[in-house]
Amino acid sequence: MQRIRLRYTKRGRLRFTSHRDFQRAFERALRRAEVPMAYSAGFTPHPKVSYANAAPTGTGSEAEYLEIALTDARDPEKLRILLDESLPTGLDIVDAVEARTSGLADRLTASVWELRLDGVDPADAARAVAAFNAAEAVEVQRMTKNGVRTFDARAAVVELDRVDGAETPSPEADRPTDQACAILRLVVRHVTPAVRPDDVLSGLRAVADLAPPVPAAVTRLAQGLFDEETGTVTDPLAPDREAAAALTTAATTAAAKASEPVGSA
């Protein structure tokens, strides 16, 4: 059995697809691409697909991850191309590696988000960000299946800054640009309960009365392991690439030694 890890996107209007909608589309793509999927046991077998920390419905993403199990080995890049061609534009498979390490979900400990606030003056956004960062705690409320829950949205936020829109080409670049617009960059840890971008927006409203006139365009730019030393979110597929490179190097070295004439040392 071979395991392949994929990074995919939700762009444009397809950011409104739910996780279940994507699951159905992806399983159809697996059939179209004739991927030799491994299936679960039982009366209703399902393709062995593991989804990791999907973005909320309505948010775009450049960094969603999943893992599939195959019964026959395939080249990850060729498989990526076949699956990408079988999905609608906006749900794009942009990276693929063979799984050579364990614990992909354990490496998704933080996310980088872009919050585009159309109709908000950048100066007002900067003041609200400063007030949020200065607060020791920012309590917000969210409706859950068990009722309204109150929690601290500040503790999970590693970084919240206003950025220059000219420096950050947004995946939502087709939105109107003839009005004031503030763009925020958010780095948030994955904690329990999860702190989502809309919770941070609620916090900005609570501490600085910042209320965008239209819904914010939210996009996840990256997702991975948070590096405490550098303060960055690292690529969760990097360990698999490094393991594959080490294996290739070891195989090349072994082949070179095997081809040496006996007694040449």
Protein backbone atom coordinates (compact mmCIF):
# COMPACT_ATOMS: atom_id res chain seq x y z
CA MET A 1 0.00 0.00 0.00
CA GLN A 2 1.22 3.50 -0.86
CA ARG A 3 0.12 6.71 0.86
CA ILE A 4 0.08 10.03 -1.00
CA ARG A 5 -0.36 13.42 0.67
CA LEU A 6 -1.94 16.24 -1.32
CA ARG A 7 -2.27 19.99 -0.90
CA TYR A 8 -5.31 21.56 -2.51
CA THR A 9 -6.96 24.97 -2.74
CA LYS A 10 -10.42 26.51 -2.49
CA ARG A 11 -10.48 29.61 -4.69
CA GLY A 12 -13.01 32.07 -6.03
CA ARG A 13 -16.65 31.09 -5.70
CA LEU A 14 -15.73 27.57 -4.67
CA ARG A 15 -14.72 28.89 -1.26
CA PHE A 16 -18.44 28.55 -0.51
CA THR A 17 -18.33 24.78 -0.95
CA SER A 18 -18.71 22.87 2.30
CA HIS A 19 -16.29 20.16 3.38
CA ARG A 20 -18.89 17.53 2.46
CA ASP A 21 -19.28 19.08 -1.01
CA PHE A 22 -15.52 18.82 -1.52
CA GLN A 23 -15.50 15.21 -0.32
CA ARG A 24 -18.09 14.26 -2.94
CA ALA A 25 -16.24 16.15 -5.70
CA PHE A 26 -12.92 14.59 -4.71
CA GLU A 27 -14.29 11.03 -4.67
CA ARG A 28 -15.71 11.59 -8.15
CA ALA A 29 -12.29 12.86 -9.26
CA LEU A 30 -10.67 9.69 -7.89
CA ARG A 31 -12.99 7.60 -10.06
CA ARG A 32 -12.45 9.76 -13.17
CA ALA A 33 -8.67 9.59 -12.75
CA GLU A 34 -8.88 5.79 -12.22
CA VAL A 35 -6.83 6.00 -9.03
CA PRO A 36 -6.22 2.53 -7.52
CA MET A 37 -7.75 3.41 -4.16
CA ALA A 38 -7.63 1.25 -1.07
CA TYR A 39 -11.05 0.83 0.56
CA SER A 40 -12.21 0.38 4.12
CA ALA A 41 -13.66 -2.92 5.27
CA GLY A 42 -17.28 -3.53 6.26
CA PHE A 43 -20.70 -3.48 4.59
CA THR A 44 -20.24 0.01 3.09
CA PRO A 45 -16.60 0.32 1.96
CA HIS A 46 -15.27 3.85 1.43
CA PRO A 47 -12.09 5.10 -0.21
CA LYS A 48 -9.34 5.53 2.38
CA VAL A 49 -9.06 9.33 2.42
CA SER A 50 -7.98 11.26 5.51
CA TYR A 51 -8.83 14.97 5.62
CA ALA A 52 -6.91 17.26 7.96
CA ASN A 53 -8.29 20.44 9.52
CA ALA A 54 -10.51 21.70 6.71
CA ALA A 55 -11.17 25.44 6.43
CA PRO A 56 -14.64 26.74 7.39
CA THR A 57 -17.25 27.08 4.65
CA GLY A 58 -17.07 30.51 3.02
CA THR A 59 -13.33 30.96 3.44
CA GLY A 60 -10.79 30.53 0.67
CA SER A 61 -7.64 28.52 1.15
CA GLU A 62 -4.28 27.94 -0.47
CA ALA A 63 -3.30 25.24 2.02
CA GLU A 64 -5.72 22.36 2.58
CA TYR A 65 -4.32 18.86 3.10
CA LEU A 66 -5.46 15.28 2.74
CA GLU A 67 -3.96 11.80 2.46
CA ILE A 68 -5.04 8.90 0.29
CA ALA A 69 -4.11 5.22 0.42
CA LEU A 70 -3.46 3.31 -2.82
CA THR A 71 -3.27 -0.39 -3.59
CA ASP A 72 -0.66 0.16 -6.33
CA ALA A 73 2.23 2.63 -6.40
CA ARG A 74 1.86 5.76 -8.52
CA ASP A 75 4.13 8.71 -9.27
CA PRO A 76 2.89 11.53 -6.99
CA GLU A 77 3.28 14.29 -9.60
CA LYS A 78 1.49 12.35 -12.35
CA LEU A 79 -1.28 11.52 -9.90
CA ARG A 80 -1.55 15.20 -8.93
CA ILE A 81 -2.00 16.23 -12.55
CA LEU A 82 -4.70 13.61 -13.19
CA LEU A 83 -6.66 14.59 -10.10
CA ASP A 84 -6.33 18.31 -10.80
CA GLU A 85 -7.71 17.81 -14.30
CA SER A 86 -10.66 15.89 -12.82
CA LEU A 87 -11.69 18.66 -10.39
CA PRO A 88 -13.43 21.96 -11.18
CA THR A 89 -11.31 25.08 -11.47
CA GLY A 90 -10.95 26.57 -8.00
CA LEU A 91 -10.53 23.18 -6.34
CA ASP A 92 -6.94 22.71 -7.46
CA ILE A 93 -4.45 20.02 -6.46
CA VAL A 94 -1.19 21.97 -6.23
CA ASP A 95 1.24 19.62 -4.48
CA ALA A 96 1.72 15.89 -3.93
CA VAL A 97 4.30 13.82 -2.07
CA GLU A 98 4.58 10.20 -1.04
CA ALA A 99 4.02 9.85 2.70
CA ARG A 100 7.30 8.74 4.23
CA THR A 101 6.72 10.04 7.76
CA SER A 102 3.87 9.76 10.23
CA GLY A 103 1.66 12.36 11.86
CA LEU A 104 0.58 14.80 9.14
CA ALA A 105 -2.29 16.05 11.30
CA ASP A 106 0.12 16.59 14.20
CA ARG A 107 2.12 19.00 12.04
CA LEU A 108 -0.89 21.26 11.41
CA THR A 109 -0.57 23.37 14.54
CA ALA A 110 -1.08 26.89 13.14
CA SER A 111 -2.49 28.80 10.17
CA VAL A 112 -1.70 32.04 8.37
CA TRP A 113 -4.83 33.92 7.25
CA GLU A 114 -5.46 36.99 5.13
CA LEU A 115 -8.51 39.07 6.06
CA ARG A 116 -9.57 41.53 3.37
CA LEU A 117 -11.86 44.20 4.84
CA ASP A 118 -13.50 46.13 2.00
CA GLY A 119 -14.89 49.50 3.03
CA VAL A 120 -12.59 49.79 6.07
CA ASP A 121 -10.04 52.60 6.26
CA PRO A 122 -6.53 51.16 6.80
CA ALA A 123 -5.88 53.66 9.61
CA ASP A 124 -8.99 52.51 11.47
CA ALA A 125 -7.91 48.90 11.00
CA ALA A 126 -4.44 49.69 12.36
CA ARG A 127 -5.92 51.23 15.50
CA ALA A 128 -8.18 48.23 16.03
CA VAL A 129 -5.27 45.83 15.57
CA ALA A 130 -3.21 47.76 18.12
CA ALA A 131 -6.06 47.60 20.63
CA PHE A 132 -6.51 43.86 20.06
CA ASN A 133 -2.79 43.14 20.45
CA ALA A 134 -2.60 45.24 23.62
CA ALA A 135 -5.45 43.37 25.30
CA GLU A 136 -4.60 40.55 27.71
CA ALA A 137 -7.83 38.75 26.80
CA VAL A 138 -10.60 39.33 24.27
CA GLU A 139 -13.77 37.42 25.05
CA VAL A 140 -16.07 36.58 22.15
CA GLN A 141 -19.16 34.44 21.77
CA ARG A 142 -20.00 31.82 19.20
CA MET A 143 -23.10 29.73 18.71
CA THR A 144 -22.32 26.00 18.92
CA LYS A 145 -24.49 22.89 18.83
CA ASN A 146 -24.55 23.07 22.63
CA GLY A 147 -25.57 26.72 22.72
CA VAL A 148 -23.68 29.99 22.99
CA ARG A 149 -20.06 29.58 24.10
CA THR A 150 -17.79 32.34 25.40
CA PHE A 151 -14.02 32.03 25.01
CA ASP A 152 -10.83 34.08 24.70
CA ALA A 153 -9.92 34.87 21.09
CA ARG A 154 -6.68 36.64 22.02
CA ALA A 155 -4.73 33.75 23.55
CA ALA A 156 -4.47 31.74 20.31
CA VAL A 157 -3.35 34.70 18.16
CA VAL A 158 0.41 34.69 17.59
CA GLU A 159 0.43 37.67 15.24
CA LEU A 160 -2.09 40.17 13.91
CA ASP A 161 -0.90 42.99 11.66
CA ARG A 162 -2.21 45.31 9.00
CA VAL A 163 -0.31 44.87 5.76
CA ASP A 164 0.03 46.95 2.62
CA GLY A 165 -2.33 45.61 -0.02
CA ALA A 166 0.23 46.36 -2.75
CA GLU A 167 2.57 43.84 -1.11
CA THR A 168 0.05 41.02 -0.86
CA PRO A 169 -1.69 39.99 -4.09
CA SER A 170 -4.95 38.53 -2.83
CA PRO A 171 -6.61 35.40 -4.23
CA GLU A 172 -9.78 37.52 -4.08
CA ALA A 173 -8.31 40.16 -6.42
CA ASP A 174 -11.54 40.28 -8.43
CA ARG A 175 -13.31 42.07 -5.58
CA PRO A 176 -13.98 45.83 -5.97
CA THR A 177 -10.90 48.01 -5.45
CA ASP A 178 -12.44 51.49 -5.91
CA GLN A 179 -13.10 51.87 -2.18
CA ALA A 180 -11.13 51.86 1.03
CA CYS A 181 -9.76 48.47 1.90
CA ALA A 182 -7.71 47.17 4.83
CA ILE A 183 -5.85 43.87 4.69
CA LEU A 184 -4.89 42.03 7.86
CA ARG A 185 -2.44 39.16 8.27
CA LEU A 186 -3.29 36.73 11.06
CA VAL A 187 -1.23 33.86 12.49
CA VAL A 188 -3.28 31.73 14.86
CA ARG A 189 -2.54 28.53 16.74
CA HIS A 190 -4.87 25.56 16.43
CA VAL A 191 -6.25 25.23 19.94
CA THR A 192 -9.41 23.91 21.59
CA PRO A 193 -11.87 25.53 21.20
CA ALA A 194 -10.65 26.55 17.75
CA VAL A 195 -10.19 30.30 17.19
CA ARG A 196 -11.30 31.13 13.66
CA PRO A 197 -10.82 34.33 11.64
CA ASP A 198 -14.44 35.36 12.27
CA ASP A 199 -13.76 35.09 16.01
CA VAL A 200 -10.87 37.53 15.61
CA LEU A 201 -13.15 39.87 13.67
CA SER A 202 -15.63 39.66 16.53
CA GLY A 203 -12.76 40.52 18.87
CA LEU A 204 -11.84 43.58 16.82
CA ARG A 205 -15.45 44.69 17.03
CA ALA A 206 -15.43 44.18 20.79
CA VAL A 207 -12.20 46.08 21.56
CA ALA A 208 -12.35 48.81 18.90
CA ASP A 209 -15.85 48.82 17.40
CA LEU A 210 -14.42 47.82 14.02
CA ALA A 211 -17.32 46.58 11.89
CA PRO A 212 -16.72 46.11 8.13
CA PRO A 213 -19.75 47.18 6.05
CA VAL A 214 -19.51 43.98 3.95
CA PRO A 215 -18.41 40.46 4.92
CA ALA A 216 -14.65 40.02 5.04
CA ALA A 217 -12.93 37.96 2.34
CA VAL A 218 -10.91 35.42 4.32
CA THR A 219 -8.19 33.21 2.81
CA ARG A 220 -5.90 30.71 4.48
CA LEU A 221 -2.44 31.31 3.02
CA ALA A 222 -0.50 28.61 4.87
CA GLN A 223 -0.99 25.84 7.39
CA GLY A 224 1.60 23.79 9.20
CA LEU A 225 3.87 23.43 12.19
CA PHE A 226 4.51 26.66 14.09
CA ASP A 227 8.24 27.27 14.58
CA GLU A 228 8.69 28.92 17.97
CA GLU A 229 12.20 30.20 17.15
CA THR A 230 11.39 31.93 13.86
CA GLY A 231 7.70 32.64 14.45
CA THR A 232 6.82 31.14 11.06
CA VAL A 233 4.45 28.41 9.90
CA THR A 234 6.45 25.69 8.13
CA ASP A 235 5.51 23.43 5.21
CA PRO A 236 3.97 20.22 6.65
CA LEU A 237 5.04 18.22 3.58
CA ALA A 238 8.72 19.16 3.93
CA PRO A 239 9.60 16.16 6.18
CA ASP A 240 8.27 13.78 3.50
CA ARG A 241 10.35 15.48 0.80
CA GLU A 242 13.45 15.34 3.00
CA ALA A 243 12.89 11.66 3.74
CA ALA A 244 12.47 10.91 0.02
CA ALA A 245 15.64 12.86 -0.82
CA ALA A 246 17.61 10.98 1.87
CA LEU A 247 16.36 7.65 0.52
CA THR A 248 17.36 8.62 -3.02
CA THR A 249 20.82 9.68 -1.85
CA ALA A 250 21.28 6.44 0.06
CA ALA A 251 20.21 4.38 -2.97
CA THR A 252 22.59 6.30 -5.25
CA THR A 253 25.47 5.80 -2.83
CA ALA A 254 24.73 2.08 -2.52
CA ALA A 255 24.58 1.70 -6.30
CA ALA A 256 27.88 3.52 -6.71
CA LYS A 257 29.58 1.27 -4.16
CA ALA A 258 28.15 -1.84 -5.80
CA SER A 259 29.60 -0.80 -9.16
CA GLU A 260 33.13 -0.34 -7.79
CA PRO A 261 35.61 -3.04 -8.85
CA VAL A 262 36.43 -5.52 -6.13
CA GLY A 263 39.64 -4.55 -4.33
CA SER A 264 39.70 -1.04 -5.81
CA ALA A 265 40.01 0.39 -2.29
